[in-house]
Amino acid sequence: MENYLGCYIALEGPDFYYGIIKKAIEINANCFMFYAGSPQTYKKPPISLLKIKEGLELIKKNNINKNKIVIHASYLINIANCINKNVYESSKIALKNEIKMAKEFQINTIVLHPGCAVGGNKKKSIELLISTLNEILDNDENNIKIALETMAGKGSELGSTFEELKEIINGINKKNNIGVCLDTCHIFDAGYDLNDVNKIIQQFDKIIGLKKLFVIHINDSKNNCGSHKDRHENIGLGKIGFNNIYKIIHHKKLASIPKILETPETKEINYKKEIAMLKTTISQSS
């Protein structure tokens, strides 16, 4: 079974989607993630400028599996905000727009932060998140899949425990269209000790189910387990450590899941080097 390992790639002009595919090929990434606009805003570039047709042609030419390409929704989206109606309504519109963009790129999975209670009641925020996701997914003809990201547990963040994500998933009507994006840094910072990778995978499988694991974000952490701080580090330079990250990437039960690096890029370390390092290790250890 092919193991899928890639990274985040920015959607930038002048080549946009064509440029993303070209970059993925150059760095030997057989999966990747991108934002269909700046993650810090709701604004999206005009479809006509994005060179989607050229990108799709390059995908076909290079036999890239489109099911292993994912979009990450804007950070600003918070459909769990039951305090500020304007933020909630803007977030709902923005998520619907993310789905429209995914259709244009012919992508079927969107990674979404579950949101924050923002001073409100956490129970009510979860109920609002579930009802809004049902409203959007039930009326979506594109059959999009939403992967709720595991969070580090800062402030009033939702989704920092497997149990909480399971509660949300249980409330969704279209069960095939809801799942999880597991972020290694986030779960470590939330208190899941990745020194025992098998235990964490078994725990996830028991509570949520591995069939619901749509995407994995691969990041080391600058902080200790349970810090609730969410600061990514390059592979092997953080508190999780290279061996534990390797075990996740190499785990047979996770091979078919797109694994996306979101580590910092510097002059010394970049995604191409990290992918090569991790793939070489996998090859030598097979």
C-alpha atoms as a PDB file:
ATOM      1  CA  MET A   1       0.000   0.000   0.000  1.00  0.00           C
ATOM      2  CA  GLU A   2       1.334   3.420  -0.976  1.00  0.00           C
ATOM      3  CA  ASN A   3       2.198   5.659   1.952  1.00  0.00           C
ATOM      4  CA  TYR A   4       1.031   9.255   1.520  1.00  0.00           C
ATOM      5  CA  LEU A   5       3.324  12.029   2.748  1.00  0.00           C
ATOM      6  CA  GLY A   6       3.294  15.669   1.717  1.00  0.00           C
ATOM      7  CA  CYS A   7       2.987  19.168   3.092  1.00  0.00           C
ATOM      8  CA  TYR A   8       1.209  22.481   3.072  1.00  0.00           C
ATOM      9  CA  ILE A   9       1.810  24.413  -0.162  1.00  0.00           C
ATOM     10  CA  ALA A  10       0.788  28.049  -0.578  1.00  0.00           C
ATOM     11  CA  LEU A  11      -1.627  29.060  -3.347  1.00  0.00           C
ATOM     12  CA  GLU A  12       0.350  31.940  -4.855  1.00  0.00           C
ATOM     13  CA  GLY A  13       0.424  33.889  -8.108  1.00  0.00           C
ATOM     14  CA  PRO A  14       1.127  33.875 -10.884  1.00  0.00           C
ATOM     15  CA  ASP A  15       0.667  30.105 -11.325  1.00  0.00           C
ATOM     16  CA  PHE A  16      -1.693  29.390  -8.394  1.00  0.00           C
ATOM     17  CA  TYR A  17      -3.085  25.810  -8.604  1.00  0.00           C
ATOM     18  CA  TYR A  18      -0.793  24.803 -11.461  1.00  0.00           C
ATOM     19  CA  GLY A  19       2.083  26.103  -9.349  1.00  0.00           C
ATOM     20  CA  ILE A  20       1.002  24.041  -6.341  1.00  0.00           C
ATOM     21  CA  ILE A  21       0.964  20.811  -8.371  1.00  0.00           C
ATOM     22  CA  LYS A  22       4.328  21.664  -9.926  1.00  0.00           C
ATOM     23  CA  LYS A  23       5.802  22.311  -6.452  1.00  0.00           C
ATOM     24  CA  ALA A  24       4.388  19.029  -5.089  1.00  0.00           C
ATOM     25  CA  ILE A  25       6.041  17.108  -7.911  1.00  0.00           C
ATOM     26  CA  GLU A  26       9.357  18.900  -7.373  1.00  0.00           C
ATOM     27  CA  ILE A  27       9.504  18.049  -3.657  1.00  0.00           C
ATOM     28  CA  ASN A  28       8.229  14.466  -4.106  1.00  0.00           C
ATOM     29  CA  ALA A  29       5.003  15.027  -2.182  1.00  0.00           C
ATOM     30  CA  ASN A  30       2.284  12.565  -3.197  1.00  0.00           C
ATOM     31  CA  CYS A  31      -0.324  14.483  -1.181  1.00  0.00           C
ATOM     32  CA  PHE A  32      -0.654  18.085  -0.021  1.00  0.00           C
ATOM     33  CA  MET A  33      -2.885  20.702   1.568  1.00  0.00           C
ATOM     34  CA  PHE A  34      -3.550  24.315   0.657  1.00  0.00           C
ATOM     35  CA  TYR A  35      -5.767  27.241   1.576  1.00  0.00           C
ATOM     36  CA  ALA A  36      -8.057  28.529  -1.184  1.00  0.00           C
ATOM     37  CA  GLY A  37      -7.141  32.058  -0.088  1.00  0.00           C
ATOM     38  CA  SER A  38      -5.404  33.669   2.878  1.00  0.00           C
ATOM     39  CA  PRO A  39      -6.112  31.659   6.057  1.00  0.00           C
ATOM     40  CA  GLN A  40      -6.379  34.944   7.969  1.00  0.00           C
ATOM     41  CA  THR A  41      -9.285  36.308   5.892  1.00  0.00           C
ATOM     42  CA  TYR A  42     -12.479  35.174   4.172  1.00  0.00           C
ATOM     43  CA  LYS A  43     -11.354  36.658   0.858  1.00  0.00           C
ATOM     44  CA  LYS A  44     -10.666  34.295  -2.066  1.00  0.00           C
ATOM     45  CA  PRO A  45      -8.886  35.009  -5.367  1.00  0.00           C
ATOM     46  CA  PRO A  46     -11.114  35.082  -8.479  1.00  0.00           C
ATOM     47  CA  ILE A  47     -11.635  31.578  -9.891  1.00  0.00           C
ATOM     48  CA  SER A  48     -10.605  32.799 -13.345  1.00  0.00           C
ATOM     49  CA  LEU A  49      -7.062  33.558 -12.113  1.00  0.00           C
ATOM     50  CA  LEU A  50      -6.364  30.290 -10.309  1.00  0.00           C
ATOM     51  CA  LYS A  51      -5.212  28.145 -13.272  1.00  0.00           C
ATOM     52  CA  ILE A  52      -7.342  25.258 -12.053  1.00  0.00           C
ATOM     53  CA  LYS A  53      -7.692  23.652 -15.483  1.00  0.00           C
ATOM     54  CA  GLU A  54      -3.900  23.638 -15.934  1.00  0.00           C
ATOM     55  CA  GLY A  55      -3.463  22.195 -12.463  1.00  0.00           C
ATOM     56  CA  LEU A  56      -5.976  19.411 -13.076  1.00  0.00           C
ATOM     57  CA  GLU A  57      -4.215  18.529 -16.330  1.00  0.00           C
ATOM     58  CA  LEU A  58      -0.896  18.272 -14.461  1.00  0.00           C
ATOM     59  CA  ILE A  59      -2.535  16.070 -11.809  1.00  0.00           C
ATOM     60  CA  LYS A  60      -3.804  13.705 -14.502  1.00  0.00           C
ATOM     61  CA  LYS A  61      -0.510  13.682 -16.380  1.00  0.00           C
ATOM     62  CA  ASN A  62       1.419  12.713 -13.231  1.00  0.00           C
ATOM     63  CA  ASN A  63      -1.162  10.225 -11.881  1.00  0.00           C
ATOM     64  CA  ILE A  64      -1.656  12.165  -8.647  1.00  0.00           C
ATOM     65  CA  ASN A  65      -4.524  10.880  -6.486  1.00  0.00           C
ATOM     66  CA  LYS A  66      -6.941  13.806  -6.103  1.00  0.00           C
ATOM     67  CA  ASN A  67      -8.491  12.137  -3.056  1.00  0.00           C
ATOM     68  CA  LYS A  68      -5.245  12.795  -1.178  1.00  0.00           C
ATOM     69  CA  ILE A  69      -5.392  16.560  -1.748  1.00  0.00           C
ATOM     70  CA  VAL A  70      -7.156  18.619   0.917  1.00  0.00           C
ATOM     71  CA  ILE A  71      -8.196  22.231   1.461  1.00  0.00           C
ATOM     72  CA  HIS A  72      -7.896  23.885   4.867  1.00  0.00           C
ATOM     73  CA  ALA A  73     -10.693  26.332   5.675  1.00  0.00           C
ATOM     74  CA  SER A  74      -9.985  29.851   6.893  1.00  0.00           C
ATOM     75  CA  TYR A  75      -8.876  30.213  10.514  1.00  0.00           C
ATOM     76  CA  LEU A  76     -11.533  32.893  11.006  1.00  0.00           C
ATOM     77  CA  ILE A  77     -14.449  30.499  10.631  1.00  0.00           C
ATOM     78  CA  ASN A  78     -16.196  29.871  13.949  1.00  0.00           C
ATOM     79  CA  ILE A  79     -19.631  28.336  13.471  1.00  0.00           C
ATOM     80  CA  ALA A  80     -19.638  27.501  17.194  1.00  0.00           C
ATOM     81  CA  ASN A  81     -19.833  31.171  18.231  1.00  0.00           C
ATOM     82  CA  CYS A  82     -23.148  31.539  20.062  1.00  0.00           C
ATOM     83  CA  ILE A  83     -22.294  34.999  21.454  1.00  0.00           C
ATOM     84  CA  ASN A  84     -21.557  37.139  18.374  1.00  0.00           C
ATOM     85  CA  LYS A  85     -24.235  36.716  15.707  1.00  0.00           C
ATOM     86  CA  ASN A  86     -22.244  38.626  13.083  1.00  0.00           C
ATOM     87  CA  VAL A  87     -19.210  36.360  13.490  1.00  0.00           C
ATOM     88  CA  TYR A  88     -21.435  33.291  13.365  1.00  0.00           C
ATOM     89  CA  GLU A  89     -23.296  34.362  10.198  1.00  0.00           C
ATOM     90  CA  SER A  90     -20.066  35.422   8.461  1.00  0.00           C
ATOM     91  CA  SER A  91     -18.499  32.077   9.391  1.00  0.00           C
ATOM     92  CA  LYS A  92     -21.413  30.112   7.981  1.00  0.00           C
ATOM     93  CA  ILE A  93     -21.266  31.998   4.691  1.00  0.00           C
ATOM     94  CA  ALA A  94     -17.481  31.523   4.585  1.00  0.00           C
ATOM     95  CA  LEU A  95     -17.730  27.758   5.104  1.00  0.00           C
ATOM     96  CA  LYS A  96     -20.280  27.464   2.314  1.00  0.00           C
ATOM     97  CA  ASN A  97     -17.860  29.389   0.102  1.00  0.00           C
ATOM     98  CA  GLU A  98     -15.029  27.003   1.057  1.00  0.00           C
ATOM     99  CA  ILE A  99     -17.213  24.136  -0.179  1.00  0.00           C
ATOM    100  CA  LYS A 100     -17.841  25.946  -3.465  1.00  0.00           C
ATOM    101  CA  MET A 101     -14.108  26.479  -3.888  1.00  0.00           C
ATOM    102  CA  ALA A 102     -13.414  22.809  -3.153  1.00  0.00           C
ATOM    103  CA  LYS A 103     -15.833  21.876  -5.932  1.00  0.00           C
ATOM    104  CA  GLU A 104     -13.940  24.108  -8.381  1.00  0.00           C
ATOM    105  CA  PHE A 105     -10.658  22.355  -7.468  1.00  0.00           C
ATOM    106  CA  GLN A 106     -12.393  18.941  -7.611  1.00  0.00           C
ATOM    107  CA  ILE A 107     -11.365  18.250  -4.013  1.00  0.00           C
ATOM    108  CA  ASN A 108     -13.627  16.362  -1.618  1.00  0.00           C
ATOM    109  CA  THR A 109     -12.108  17.034   1.839  1.00  0.00           C
ATOM    110  CA  ILE A 110     -11.967  20.274   3.831  1.00  0.00           C
ATOM    111  CA  VAL A 111     -10.083  20.560   7.130  1.00  0.00           C
ATOM    112  CA  LEU A 112     -11.982  22.761   9.592  1.00  0.00           C
ATOM    113  CA  HIS A 113     -11.159  24.016  13.080  1.00  0.00           C
ATOM    114  CA  PRO A 114     -14.161  23.098  15.262  1.00  0.00           C
ATOM    115  CA  GLY A 115     -14.233  26.618  16.696  1.00  0.00           C
ATOM    116  CA  CYS A 116     -14.329  28.272  20.125  1.00  0.00           C
ATOM    117  CA  ALA A 117     -16.992  28.983  22.710  1.00  0.00           C
ATOM    118  CA  VAL A 118     -15.530  32.538  23.045  1.00  0.00           C
ATOM    119  CA  GLY A 119     -16.851  33.252  26.519  1.00  0.00           C
ATOM    120  CA  GLY A 120     -20.062  31.374  25.900  1.00  0.00           C
ATOM    121  CA  ASN A 121     -21.405  28.080  27.145  1.00  0.00           C
ATOM    122  CA  LYS A 122     -19.345  25.198  25.725  1.00  0.00           C
ATOM    123  CA  LYS A 123     -22.322  22.846  25.582  1.00  0.00           C
ATOM    124  CA  LYS A 124     -24.360  25.391  23.614  1.00  0.00           C
ATOM    125  CA  SER A 125     -21.402  26.048  21.308  1.00  0.00           C
ATOM    126  CA  ILE A 126     -21.112  22.338  20.500  1.00  0.00           C
ATOM    127  CA  GLU A 127     -24.867  22.159  19.856  1.00  0.00           C
ATOM    128  CA  LEU A 128     -24.615  25.167  17.512  1.00  0.00           C
ATOM    129  CA  LEU A 129     -21.617  23.639  15.712  1.00  0.00           C
ATOM    130  CA  ILE A 130     -23.519  20.382  15.163  1.00  0.00           C
ATOM    131  CA  SER A 131     -26.727  22.048  13.956  1.00  0.00           C
ATOM    132  CA  THR A 132     -24.825  24.335  11.570  1.00  0.00           C
ATOM    133  CA  LEU A 133     -22.765  21.496  10.120  1.00  0.00           C
ATOM    134  CA  ASN A 134     -25.991  19.545   9.596  1.00  0.00           C
ATOM    135  CA  GLU A 135     -27.606  22.502   7.853  1.00  0.00           C
ATOM    136  CA  ILE A 136     -24.621  22.894   5.530  1.00  0.00           C
ATOM    137  CA  LEU A 137     -23.871  19.210   4.857  1.00  0.00           C
ATOM    138  CA  ASP A 138     -27.519  18.187   4.438  1.00  0.00           C
ATOM    139  CA  ASN A 139     -27.911  20.789   1.683  1.00  0.00           C
ATOM    140  CA  ASP A 140     -24.553  20.142   0.012  1.00  0.00           C
ATOM    141  CA  GLU A 141     -24.965  18.333  -3.299  1.00  0.00           C
ATOM    142  CA  ASN A 142     -21.196  18.002  -3.761  1.00  0.00           C
ATOM    143  CA  ASN A 143     -20.930  15.389  -0.996  1.00  0.00           C
ATOM    144  CA  ILE A 144     -18.007  17.230   0.600  1.00  0.00           C
ATOM    145  CA  LYS A 145     -16.242  15.726   3.598  1.00  0.00           C
ATOM    146  CA  ILE A 146     -15.407  17.851   6.637  1.00  0.00           C
ATOM    147  CA  ALA A 147     -12.373  16.829   8.724  1.00  0.00           C
ATOM    148  CA  LEU A 148     -12.591  18.464  12.161  1.00  0.00           C
ATOM    149  CA  GLU A 149      -9.084  19.230  13.384  1.00  0.00           C
ATOM    150  CA  THR A 150      -7.885  18.113  16.799  1.00  0.00           C
ATOM    151  CA  MET A 151      -6.997  21.214  18.804  1.00  0.00           C
ATOM    152  CA  ALA A 152      -4.435  21.951  21.526  1.00  0.00           C
ATOM    153  CA  GLY A 153      -7.040  23.170  24.023  1.00  0.00           C
ATOM    154  CA  LYS A 154      -6.142  26.865  24.189  1.00  0.00           C
ATOM    155  CA  GLY A 155      -8.799  28.945  25.917  1.00  0.00           C
ATOM    156  CA  SER A 156     -12.287  27.838  24.895  1.00  0.00           C
ATOM    157  CA  GLU A 157     -11.247  25.775  21.858  1.00  0.00           C
ATOM    158  CA  LEU A 158     -13.497  22.864  20.975  1.00  0.00           C
ATOM    159  CA  GLY A 159     -12.150  19.504  19.834  1.00  0.00           C
ATOM    160  CA  SER A 160      -9.136  19.049  22.105  1.00  0.00           C
ATOM    161  CA  THR A 161     -10.243  15.579  23.217  1.00  0.00           C
ATOM    162  CA  PHE A 162     -11.254  12.512  21.239  1.00  0.00           C
ATOM    163  CA  GLU A 163     -14.420  12.294  23.327  1.00  0.00           C
ATOM    164  CA  GLU A 164     -15.508  15.814  22.374  1.00  0.00           C
ATOM    165  CA  LEU A 165     -14.907  15.145  18.679  1.00  0.00           C
ATOM    166  CA  LYS A 166     -16.884  11.919  18.996  1.00  0.00           C
ATOM    167  CA  GLU A 167     -19.784  13.867  20.529  1.00  0.00           C
ATOM    168  CA  ILE A 168     -19.789  16.226  17.543  1.00  0.00           C
ATOM    169  CA  ILE A 169     -19.550  13.386  15.021  1.00  0.00           C
ATOM    170  CA  ASN A 170     -22.413  11.559  16.728  1.00  0.00           C
ATOM    171  CA  GLY A 171     -24.656  14.576  16.113  1.00  0.00           C
ATOM    172  CA  ILE A 172     -24.019  14.776  12.354  1.00  0.00           C
ATOM    173  CA  ASN A 173     -26.690  13.331  10.074  1.00  0.00           C
ATOM    174  CA  LYS A 174     -24.474  12.516   7.085  1.00  0.00           C
ATOM    175  CA  LYS A 175     -22.024  10.280   8.934  1.00  0.00           C
ATOM    176  CA  ASN A 176     -19.935   9.507   5.832  1.00  0.00           C
ATOM    177  CA  ASN A 177     -19.197  13.224   5.422  1.00  0.00           C
ATOM    178  CA  ILE A 178     -17.712  13.961   8.837  1.00  0.00           C
ATOM    179  CA  GLY A 179     -14.350  12.890  10.213  1.00  0.00           C
ATOM    180  CA  VAL A 180     -11.158  14.076  11.868  1.00  0.00           C
ATOM    181  CA  CYS A 181      -7.858  15.702  10.975  1.00  0.00           C
ATOM    182  CA  LEU A 182      -5.404  14.606  13.653  1.00  0.00           C
ATOM    183  CA  ASP A 183      -2.639  17.130  14.311  1.00  0.00           C
ATOM    184  CA  THR A 184       0.334  15.568  16.124  1.00  0.00           C
ATOM    185  CA  CYS A 185       1.441  18.835  17.740  1.00  0.00           C
ATOM    186  CA  HIS A 186      -2.096  19.670  18.828  1.00  0.00           C
ATOM    187  CA  ILE A 187      -2.894  16.317  20.446  1.00  0.00           C
ATOM    188  CA  PHE A 188       0.515  16.284  22.174  1.00  0.00           C
ATOM    189  CA  ASP A 189      -0.066  19.789  23.528  1.00  0.00           C
ATOM    190  CA  ALA A 190      -3.590  18.718  24.524  1.00  0.00           C
ATOM    191  CA  GLY A 191      -2.137  15.948  26.702  1.00  0.00           C
ATOM    192  CA  TYR A 192      -1.871  12.836  24.503  1.00  0.00           C
ATOM    193  CA  ASP A 193       1.618  11.414  25.112  1.00  0.00           C
ATOM    194  CA  LEU A 194       3.037  10.333  21.753  1.00  0.00           C
ATOM    195  CA  ASN A 195       5.846   8.398  23.404  1.00  0.00           C
ATOM    196  CA  ASP A 196       3.361   5.532  23.090  1.00  0.00           C
ATOM    197  CA  VAL A 197       2.077   5.940  19.530  1.00  0.00           C
ATOM    198  CA  ASN A 198       0.301   2.579  19.410  1.00  0.00           C
ATOM    199  CA  LYS A 199      -1.645   3.406  22.561  1.00  0.00           C
ATOM    200  CA  ILE A 200      -2.839   6.733  21.122  1.00  0.00           C
ATOM    201  CA  ILE A 201      -3.847   5.138  17.808  1.00  0.00           C
ATOM    202  CA  GLN A 202      -5.744   2.402  19.675  1.00  0.00           C
ATOM    203  CA  GLN A 203      -7.414   5.040  21.836  1.00  0.00           C
ATOM    204  CA  PHE A 204      -8.493   7.025  18.782  1.00  0.00           C
ATOM    205  CA  ASP A 205      -9.796   3.857  17.112  1.00  0.00           C
ATOM    206  CA  LYS A 206     -11.789   2.851  20.190  1.00  0.00           C
ATOM    207  CA  ILE A 207     -13.370   6.271  20.754  1.00  0.00           C
ATOM    208  CA  ILE A 208     -13.805   7.635  17.218  1.00  0.00           C
ATOM    209  CA  GLY A 209     -12.722   4.900  14.790  1.00  0.00           C
ATOM    210  CA  LEU A 210      -9.826   4.959  12.320  1.00  0.00           C
ATOM    211  CA  LYS A 211     -12.275   5.003   9.413  1.00  0.00           C
ATOM    212  CA  LYS A 212     -13.072   8.562  10.550  1.00  0.00           C
ATOM    213  CA  LEU A 213      -9.429   9.652  10.328  1.00  0.00           C
ATOM    214  CA  PHE A 214      -9.389  11.595   7.043  1.00  0.00           C
ATOM    215  CA  VAL A 215      -6.147  13.613   7.377  1.00  0.00           C
ATOM    216  CA  ILE A 216      -3.066  13.782   9.629  1.00  0.00           C
ATOM    217  CA  HIS A 217      -1.070  16.964  10.218  1.00  0.00           C
ATOM    218  CA  ILE A 218       2.548  16.051  10.942  1.00  0.00           C
ATOM    219  CA  ASN A 219       4.238  18.500  13.312  1.00  0.00           C
ATOM    220  CA  ASP A 220       6.702  18.304  16.165  1.00  0.00           C
ATOM    221  CA  SER A 221       5.971  20.519  19.189  1.00  0.00           C
ATOM    222  CA  LYS A 222       8.019  23.262  20.831  1.00  0.00           C
ATOM    223  CA  ASN A 223       6.229  22.623  24.119  1.00  0.00           C
ATOM    224  CA  ASN A 224       5.765  19.824  26.616  1.00  0.00           C
ATOM    225  CA  CYS A 225       2.883  17.364  26.529  1.00  0.00           C
ATOM    226  CA  GLY A 226      -0.251  18.963  28.000  1.00  0.00           C
ATOM    227  CA  SER A 227       0.987  22.548  27.591  1.00  0.00           C
ATOM    228  CA  HIS A 228      -2.090  23.628  25.538  1.00  0.00           C
ATOM    229  CA  LYS A 229       0.096  26.085  23.606  1.00  0.00           C
ATOM    230  CA  ASP A 230       0.110  24.908  19.935  1.00  0.00           C
ATOM    231  CA  ARG A 231       3.564  25.836  18.623  1.00  0.00           C
ATOM    232  CA  HIS A 232       4.827  23.718  15.727  1.00  0.00           C
ATOM    233  CA  GLU A 233       8.466  22.621  15.446  1.00  0.00           C
ATOM    234  CA  ASN A 234      10.492  20.882  12.748  1.00  0.00           C
ATOM    235  CA  ILE A 235      10.536  17.093  12.819  1.00  0.00           C
ATOM    236  CA  GLY A 236      12.985  15.797  15.419  1.00  0.00           C
ATOM    237  CA  LEU A 237      13.701  19.203  16.944  1.00  0.00           C
ATOM    238  CA  GLY A 238      10.744  19.303  19.309  1.00  0.00           C
ATOM    239  CA  LYS A 239       9.352  17.509  22.339  1.00  0.00           C
ATOM    240  CA  ILE A 240       7.593  14.755  20.354  1.00  0.00           C
ATOM    241  CA  GLY A 241      10.805  13.615  18.677  1.00  0.00           C
ATOM    242  CA  PHE A 242      11.740  12.069  15.362  1.00  0.00           C
ATOM    243  CA  ASN A 243      11.161   8.431  16.376  1.00  0.00           C
ATOM    244  CA  ASN A 244       7.576   9.043  17.477  1.00  0.00           C
ATOM    245  CA  ILE A 245       6.776  11.053  14.331  1.00  0.00           C
ATOM    246  CA  TYR A 246       8.345   8.291  12.242  1.00  0.00           C
ATOM    247  CA  LYS A 247       6.161   5.664  13.918  1.00  0.00           C
ATOM    248  CA  ILE A 248       3.039   7.605  12.956  1.00  0.00           C
ATOM    249  CA  ILE A 249       4.118   8.087   9.347  1.00  0.00           C
ATOM    250  CA  HIS A 250       5.241   4.477   9.028  1.00  0.00           C
ATOM    251  CA  HIS A 251       2.264   2.913  10.843  1.00  0.00           C
ATOM    252  CA  LYS A 252       0.576   0.395   8.526  1.00  0.00           C
ATOM    253  CA  LYS A 253      -2.917   1.344   9.699  1.00  0.00           C
ATOM    254  CA  LEU A 254      -2.293   4.961   8.647  1.00  0.00           C
ATOM    255  CA  ALA A 255      -0.598   4.378   5.271  1.00  0.00           C
ATOM    256  CA  SER A 256      -3.567   5.408   3.085  1.00  0.00           C
ATOM    257  CA  ILE A 257      -4.247   8.618   5.037  1.00  0.00           C
ATOM    258  CA  PRO A 258      -2.723  11.853   3.661  1.00  0.00           C
ATOM    259  CA  LYS A 259      -0.062  13.029   6.106  1.00  0.00           C
ATOM    260  CA  ILE A 260       0.665  16.737   5.807  1.00  0.00           C
ATOM    261  CA  LEU A 261       3.742  18.529   7.161  1.00  0.00           C
ATOM    262  CA  GLU A 262       3.015  21.997   8.580  1.00  0.00           C
ATOM    263  CA  THR A 263       6.456  22.579  10.056  1.00  0.00           C
ATOM    264  CA  PRO A 264       8.348  25.921   9.919  1.00  0.00           C
ATOM    265  CA  GLU A 265      10.471  26.431   6.805  1.00  0.00           C
ATOM    266  CA  THR A 266      13.901  28.036   7.224  1.00  0.00           C
ATOM    267  CA  LYS A 267      17.031  28.437   5.085  1.00  0.00           C
ATOM    268  CA  GLU A 268      18.343  25.196   6.568  1.00  0.00           C
ATOM    269  CA  ILE A 269      15.135  23.145   6.732  1.00  0.00           C
ATOM    270  CA  ASN A 270      12.364  22.932   4.162  1.00  0.00           C
ATOM    271  CA  TYR A 271       9.597  20.526   3.206  1.00  0.00           C
ATOM    272  CA  LYS A 272      11.630  18.862   0.471  1.00  0.00           C
ATOM    273  CA  LYS A 273      14.371  17.967   2.969  1.00  0.00           C
ATOM    274  CA  GLU A 274      11.915  16.769   5.614  1.00  0.00           C
ATOM    275  CA  ILE A 275       9.974  14.618   3.137  1.00  0.00           C
ATOM    276  CA  ALA A 276      13.201  13.111   1.797  1.00  0.00           C
ATOM    277  CA  MET A 277      14.439  12.420   5.333  1.00  0.00           C
ATOM    278  CA  LEU A 278      11.207  10.719   6.379  1.00  0.00           C
ATOM    279  CA  LYS A 279      10.825   8.724   3.165  1.00  0.00           C
ATOM    280  CA  THR A 280      14.436   7.532   3.337  1.00  0.00           C
ATOM    281  CA  THR A 281      13.905   6.348   6.872  1.00  0.00           C
ATOM    282  CA  ILE A 282      10.745   4.535   5.870  1.00  0.00           C
ATOM    283  CA  SER A 283      12.532   2.879   2.932  1.00  0.00           C
ATOM    284  CA  GLN A 284      15.454   1.759   5.092  1.00  0.00           C
ATOM    285  CA  SER A 285      13.132   0.412   7.762  1.00  0.00           C
ATOM    286  CA  SER A 286      10.788  -1.558   5.478  1.00  0.00           C
END
